[in-house]
């Protein structure tokens, strides 16, 4: 595991969030991991401008941990 993956797992545990099968986490957890306010990420997604791809399940959005890690790797490296 690399450090970002370990940090993601630690933060999810601290938030008491267990990823669903496929590594899906709810929108509030994804927002906290990337440093956005939940309302801001929700607004971006509603406008079709989300920085992360998401999956809809009913009226909720879920984000893949792998996509979050890729986004953070790209952001950290420049």
Foldseek 3Di string as FASTA:
>chain_A
DDPLVVVLVVQCVVVVWDADPQQKTWQCSLCVSVVHHSVVQVVCVVVVNHPFDWDDDPNTTIGHPVRSSVVVVVVVVD
